[in-house]
């Protein structure tokens, strides 16, 4: 009779066939993966929400007029129920900051609407032209979470 492995003497402390089962190795690997994921993702998920400043940002809209602009005395933008700047100037209606250099007009708006109404007036306050233009605002400050001031440029051909 030939000797079997059970008959063969083994060194003390070492037994054959006592390997951990496959499920135990997979479970240990899973625990390690979860620990690493918790260490990476945990701080992001447990961070307090970002606090935003209690501030209203203003946005700058620049409109350049093209075409025959010789009769244009004032360019106005619709701000809620009012045309801004008021024309003729009215002390009762607060005016938004507006400036112009040649045929380029700049308006400071509290909101940044997707589209704006514009109208061009002559010296007598008569409406020469009116339009609605979609505006592509670009955030120029602040953060994506809290917002910030925006800027937009557009051209209006009269």
C-alpha atoms as a PDB file:
ATOM      1  CA  UNK A   1       0.000   0.000   0.000  1.00  0.00           C
ATOM      2  CA  UNK A   2       1.245   3.386  -0.932  1.00  0.00           C
ATOM      3  CA  UNK A   3       1.408   6.125   1.662  1.00  0.00           C
ATOM      4  CA  UNK A   4      -1.247   8.912   1.405  1.00  0.00           C
ATOM      5  CA  UNK A   5      -0.901  12.513   2.401  1.00  0.00           C
ATOM      6  CA  UNK A   6      -2.743  11.676   5.564  1.00  0.00           C
ATOM      7  CA  UNK A   7      -0.106   9.141   6.406  1.00  0.00           C
ATOM      8  CA  UNK A   8       2.778  11.464   5.575  1.00  0.00           C
ATOM      9  CA  UNK A   9       3.990  13.381   8.578  1.00  0.00           C
ATOM     10  CA  UNK A  10       3.474  17.159   8.307  1.00  0.00           C
ATOM     11  CA  UNK A  11       5.555  19.837   9.956  1.00  0.00           C
ATOM     12  CA  UNK A  12       3.974  21.136  13.147  1.00  0.00           C
ATOM     13  CA  UNK A  13       1.560  24.093  12.691  1.00  0.00           C
ATOM     14  CA  UNK A  14       0.955  23.447   9.002  1.00  0.00           C
ATOM     15  CA  UNK A  15      -2.023  21.540   7.736  1.00  0.00           C
ATOM     16  CA  UNK A  16      -2.925  20.907   4.166  1.00  0.00           C
ATOM     17  CA  UNK A  17      -6.300  21.859   2.817  1.00  0.00           C
ATOM     18  CA  UNK A  18      -7.080  24.637   5.288  1.00  0.00           C
ATOM     19  CA  UNK A  19      -7.197  27.526   2.801  1.00  0.00           C
ATOM     20  CA  UNK A  20      -9.822  30.233   3.460  1.00  0.00           C
ATOM     21  CA  UNK A  21     -12.891  29.750   1.283  1.00  0.00           C
ATOM     22  CA  UNK A  22     -13.246  31.975  -1.794  1.00  0.00           C
ATOM     23  CA  UNK A  23     -16.215  33.865  -0.318  1.00  0.00           C
ATOM     24  CA  UNK A  24     -14.072  34.999   2.625  1.00  0.00           C
ATOM     25  CA  UNK A  25     -11.444  36.461   0.280  1.00  0.00           C
ATOM     26  CA  UNK A  26     -14.117  38.274  -1.755  1.00  0.00           C
ATOM     27  CA  UNK A  27     -15.720  39.624   1.426  1.00  0.00           C
ATOM     28  CA  UNK A  28     -12.367  40.928   2.693  1.00  0.00           C
ATOM     29  CA  UNK A  29     -11.699  42.599  -0.650  1.00  0.00           C
ATOM     30  CA  UNK A  30     -15.182  44.181  -0.549  1.00  0.00           C
ATOM     31  CA  UNK A  31     -14.569  45.574   2.930  1.00  0.00           C
ATOM     32  CA  UNK A  32     -11.311  47.158   1.772  1.00  0.00           C
ATOM     33  CA  UNK A  33     -13.055  48.694  -1.281  1.00  0.00           C
ATOM     34  CA  UNK A  34     -15.866  50.130   0.864  1.00  0.00           C
ATOM     35  CA  UNK A  35     -13.382  51.598   3.324  1.00  0.00           C
ATOM     36  CA  UNK A  36     -11.457  53.337   0.532  1.00  0.00           C
ATOM     37  CA  UNK A  37     -14.693  54.635  -1.050  1.00  0.00           C
ATOM     38  CA  UNK A  38     -15.890  55.992   2.301  1.00  0.00           C
ATOM     39  CA  UNK A  39     -12.574  57.761   2.840  1.00  0.00           C
ATOM     40  CA  UNK A  40     -12.750  59.419  -0.580  1.00  0.00           C
ATOM     41  CA  UNK A  41     -16.464  60.250  -0.838  1.00  0.00           C
ATOM     42  CA  UNK A  42     -17.295  60.703   2.842  1.00  0.00           C
ATOM     43  CA  UNK A  43     -15.755  64.146   3.350  1.00  0.00           C
ATOM     44  CA  UNK A  44     -17.607  65.485   0.311  1.00  0.00           C
ATOM     45  CA  UNK A  45     -20.950  64.166   1.433  1.00  0.00           C
ATOM     46  CA  UNK A  46     -20.595  65.238   5.033  1.00  0.00           C
ATOM     47  CA  UNK A  47     -19.364  68.761   4.252  1.00  0.00           C
ATOM     48  CA  UNK A  48     -21.837  71.467   5.243  1.00  0.00           C
ATOM     49  CA  UNK A  49     -23.621  73.179   2.362  1.00  0.00           C
ATOM     50  CA  UNK A  50     -21.877  76.261   1.032  1.00  0.00           C
ATOM     51  CA  UNK A  51     -23.262  79.463   2.484  1.00  0.00           C
ATOM     52  CA  UNK A  52     -23.939  82.165  -0.081  1.00  0.00           C
ATOM     53  CA  UNK A  53     -23.656  85.860   0.691  1.00  0.00           C
ATOM     54  CA  UNK A  54     -26.942  87.723   0.993  1.00  0.00           C
ATOM     55  CA  UNK A  55     -26.259  90.012  -1.922  1.00  0.00           C
ATOM     56  CA  UNK A  56     -28.039  90.945  -5.099  1.00  0.00           C
ATOM     57  CA  UNK A  57     -25.658  90.829  -8.007  1.00  0.00           C
ATOM     58  CA  UNK A  58     -25.969  93.333 -10.821  1.00  0.00           C
ATOM     59  CA  UNK A  59     -25.303  92.424 -14.410  1.00  0.00           C
ATOM     60  CA  UNK A  60     -23.988  94.511 -17.304  1.00  0.00           C
ATOM     61  CA  UNK A  61     -25.760  94.507 -20.658  1.00  0.00           C
ATOM     62  CA  UNK A  62     -23.939  96.135 -23.577  1.00  0.00           C
ATOM     63  CA  UNK A  63     -25.957  96.914 -26.717  1.00  0.00           C
ATOM     64  CA  UNK A  64     -24.307  98.159 -29.883  1.00  0.00           C
ATOM     65  CA  UNK A  65     -26.578  99.828 -32.430  1.00  0.00           C
ATOM     66  CA  UNK A  66     -25.862  99.391 -36.125  1.00  0.00           C
ATOM     67  CA  UNK A  67     -27.441 100.904 -39.208  1.00  0.00           C
ATOM     68  CA  UNK A  68     -28.883 104.426 -39.377  1.00  0.00           C
ATOM     69  CA  UNK A  69     -28.557 105.592 -35.773  1.00  0.00           C
ATOM     70  CA  UNK A  70     -28.391 109.338 -36.466  1.00  0.00           C
ATOM     71  CA  UNK A  71     -31.870 110.050 -35.016  1.00  0.00           C
ATOM     72  CA  UNK A  72     -31.413 107.933 -31.856  1.00  0.00           C
ATOM     73  CA  UNK A  73     -31.196 110.113 -28.745  1.00  0.00           C
ATOM     74  CA  UNK A  74     -31.880 107.429 -26.109  1.00  0.00           C
ATOM     75  CA  UNK A  75     -31.823 103.646 -26.003  1.00  0.00           C
ATOM     76  CA  UNK A  76     -34.063 102.126 -23.356  1.00  0.00           C
ATOM     77  CA  UNK A  77     -34.361  98.651 -21.857  1.00  0.00           C
ATOM     78  CA  UNK A  78     -37.542  97.284 -20.282  1.00  0.00           C
ATOM     79  CA  UNK A  79     -37.040  96.722 -16.555  1.00  0.00           C
ATOM     80  CA  UNK A  80     -40.195  95.113 -15.170  1.00  0.00           C
ATOM     81  CA  UNK A  81     -42.973  97.659 -15.717  1.00  0.00           C
ATOM     82  CA  UNK A  82     -40.669 100.586 -16.530  1.00  0.00           C
ATOM     83  CA  UNK A  83     -38.553 101.586 -19.501  1.00  0.00           C
ATOM     84  CA  UNK A  84     -35.071 102.542 -18.313  1.00  0.00           C
ATOM     85  CA  UNK A  85     -33.644 105.091 -18.283  1.00  0.00           C
ATOM     86  CA  UNK A  86     -36.808 107.181 -18.023  1.00  0.00           C
ATOM     87  CA  UNK A  87     -37.188 109.705 -20.833  1.00  0.00           C
ATOM     88  CA  UNK A  88     -37.509 112.529 -20.282  1.00  0.00           C
ATOM     89  CA  UNK A  89     -35.704 112.075 -16.964  1.00  0.00           C
ATOM     90  CA  UNK A  90     -38.236 111.742 -14.158  1.00  0.00           C
ATOM     91  CA  UNK A  91     -37.199 112.308 -10.532  1.00  0.00           C
ATOM     92  CA  UNK A  92     -40.070 110.053  -9.342  1.00  0.00           C
ATOM     93  CA  UNK A  93     -38.808 106.980 -11.192  1.00  0.00           C
ATOM     94  CA  UNK A  94     -35.458 105.625  -9.994  1.00  0.00           C
ATOM     95  CA  UNK A  95     -33.178 105.149 -12.965  1.00  0.00           C
ATOM     96  CA  UNK A  96     -30.823 102.228 -13.456  1.00  0.00           C
ATOM     97  CA  UNK A  97     -27.231 103.170 -14.214  1.00  0.00           C
ATOM     98  CA  UNK A  98     -26.880 103.654 -17.964  1.00  0.00           C
ATOM     99  CA  UNK A  99     -24.083 105.025 -20.098  1.00  0.00           C
ATOM    100  CA  UNK A 100     -23.278 105.247 -23.759  1.00  0.00           C
ATOM    101  CA  UNK A 101     -20.300 105.923 -25.948  1.00  0.00           C
ATOM    102  CA  UNK A 102     -21.304 106.598 -29.529  1.00  0.00           C
ATOM    103  CA  UNK A 103     -23.619 103.779 -30.619  1.00  0.00           C
ATOM    104  CA  UNK A 104     -22.757 101.482 -27.683  1.00  0.00           C
ATOM    105  CA  UNK A 105     -25.065 101.584 -24.663  1.00  0.00           C
ATOM    106  CA  UNK A 106     -24.380  99.903 -21.321  1.00  0.00           C
ATOM    107  CA  UNK A 107     -27.099  99.084 -18.795  1.00  0.00           C
ATOM    108  CA  UNK A 108     -26.668  97.833 -15.227  1.00  0.00           C
ATOM    109  CA  UNK A 109     -29.499  95.413 -14.449  1.00  0.00           C
ATOM    110  CA  UNK A 110     -30.389  93.754 -11.153  1.00  0.00           C
ATOM    111  CA  UNK A 111     -31.735  90.710 -12.962  1.00  0.00           C
ATOM    112  CA  UNK A 112     -30.355  88.872 -15.968  1.00  0.00           C
ATOM    113  CA  UNK A 113     -33.406  87.978 -18.066  1.00  0.00           C
ATOM    114  CA  UNK A 114     -33.056  85.540 -20.949  1.00  0.00           C
ATOM    115  CA  UNK A 115     -34.534  88.103 -23.322  1.00  0.00           C
ATOM    116  CA  UNK A 116     -34.744  91.886 -23.111  1.00  0.00           C
ATOM    117  CA  UNK A 117     -37.008  94.476 -24.705  1.00  0.00           C
ATOM    118  CA  UNK A 118     -35.248  97.466 -26.234  1.00  0.00           C
ATOM    119  CA  UNK A 119     -36.526 100.655 -27.826  1.00  0.00           C
ATOM    120  CA  UNK A 120     -34.812 103.571 -29.500  1.00  0.00           C
ATOM    121  CA  UNK A 121     -36.177 107.090 -28.986  1.00  0.00           C
ATOM    122  CA  UNK A 122     -35.556 110.364 -30.825  1.00  0.00           C
ATOM    123  CA  UNK A 123     -35.020 113.788 -29.195  1.00  0.00           C
ATOM    124  CA  UNK A 124     -38.798 114.254 -28.757  1.00  0.00           C
ATOM    125  CA  UNK A 125     -39.249 110.876 -27.029  1.00  0.00           C
ATOM    126  CA  UNK A 126     -40.899 109.284 -30.065  1.00  0.00           C
ATOM    127  CA  UNK A 127     -40.263 105.562 -30.540  1.00  0.00           C
ATOM    128  CA  UNK A 128     -38.104 104.982 -33.617  1.00  0.00           C
ATOM    129  CA  UNK A 129     -37.828 101.198 -33.254  1.00  0.00           C
ATOM    130  CA  UNK A 130     -38.580  98.445 -30.770  1.00  0.00           C
ATOM    131  CA  UNK A 131     -37.293  94.861 -30.477  1.00  0.00           C
ATOM    132  CA  UNK A 132     -36.952  91.873 -28.183  1.00  0.00           C
ATOM    133  CA  UNK A 133     -33.539  90.178 -28.137  1.00  0.00           C
ATOM    134  CA  UNK A 134     -32.411  86.928 -26.537  1.00  0.00           C
ATOM    135  CA  UNK A 135     -29.335  87.562 -24.423  1.00  0.00           C
ATOM    136  CA  UNK A 136     -26.545  85.103 -23.646  1.00  0.00           C
ATOM    137  CA  UNK A 137     -25.375  85.964 -20.145  1.00  0.00           C
ATOM    138  CA  UNK A 138     -21.947  84.895 -18.920  1.00  0.00           C
ATOM    139  CA  UNK A 139     -21.220  84.778 -15.190  1.00  0.00           C
ATOM    140  CA  UNK A 140     -18.108  86.883 -14.487  1.00  0.00           C
ATOM    141  CA  UNK A 141     -17.819  86.407 -10.733  1.00  0.00           C
ATOM    142  CA  UNK A 142     -19.227  84.520  -7.790  1.00  0.00           C
ATOM    143  CA  UNK A 143     -19.655  80.747  -7.966  1.00  0.00           C
ATOM    144  CA  UNK A 144     -21.800  78.227  -9.807  1.00  0.00           C
ATOM    145  CA  UNK A 145     -23.580  77.353  -6.519  1.00  0.00           C
ATOM    146  CA  UNK A 146     -24.267  80.928  -5.388  1.00  0.00           C
ATOM    147  CA  UNK A 147     -24.475  82.777  -8.680  1.00  0.00           C
ATOM    148  CA  UNK A 148     -22.730  86.023  -9.390  1.00  0.00           C
ATOM    149  CA  UNK A 149     -22.671  89.048 -11.645  1.00  0.00           C
ATOM    150  CA  UNK A 150     -23.119  88.506 -15.363  1.00  0.00           C
ATOM    151  CA  UNK A 151     -22.253  90.251 -18.582  1.00  0.00           C
ATOM    152  CA  UNK A 152     -23.849  90.117 -22.003  1.00  0.00           C
ATOM    153  CA  UNK A 153     -23.196  91.846 -25.305  1.00  0.00           C
ATOM    154  CA  UNK A 154     -25.607  92.109 -28.200  1.00  0.00           C
ATOM    155  CA  UNK A 155     -26.011  94.014 -31.449  1.00  0.00           C
ATOM    156  CA  UNK A 156     -29.221  95.589 -32.744  1.00  0.00           C
ATOM    157  CA  UNK A 157     -29.447  96.574 -36.378  1.00  0.00           C
ATOM    158  CA  UNK A 158     -31.923  99.440 -36.831  1.00  0.00           C
END
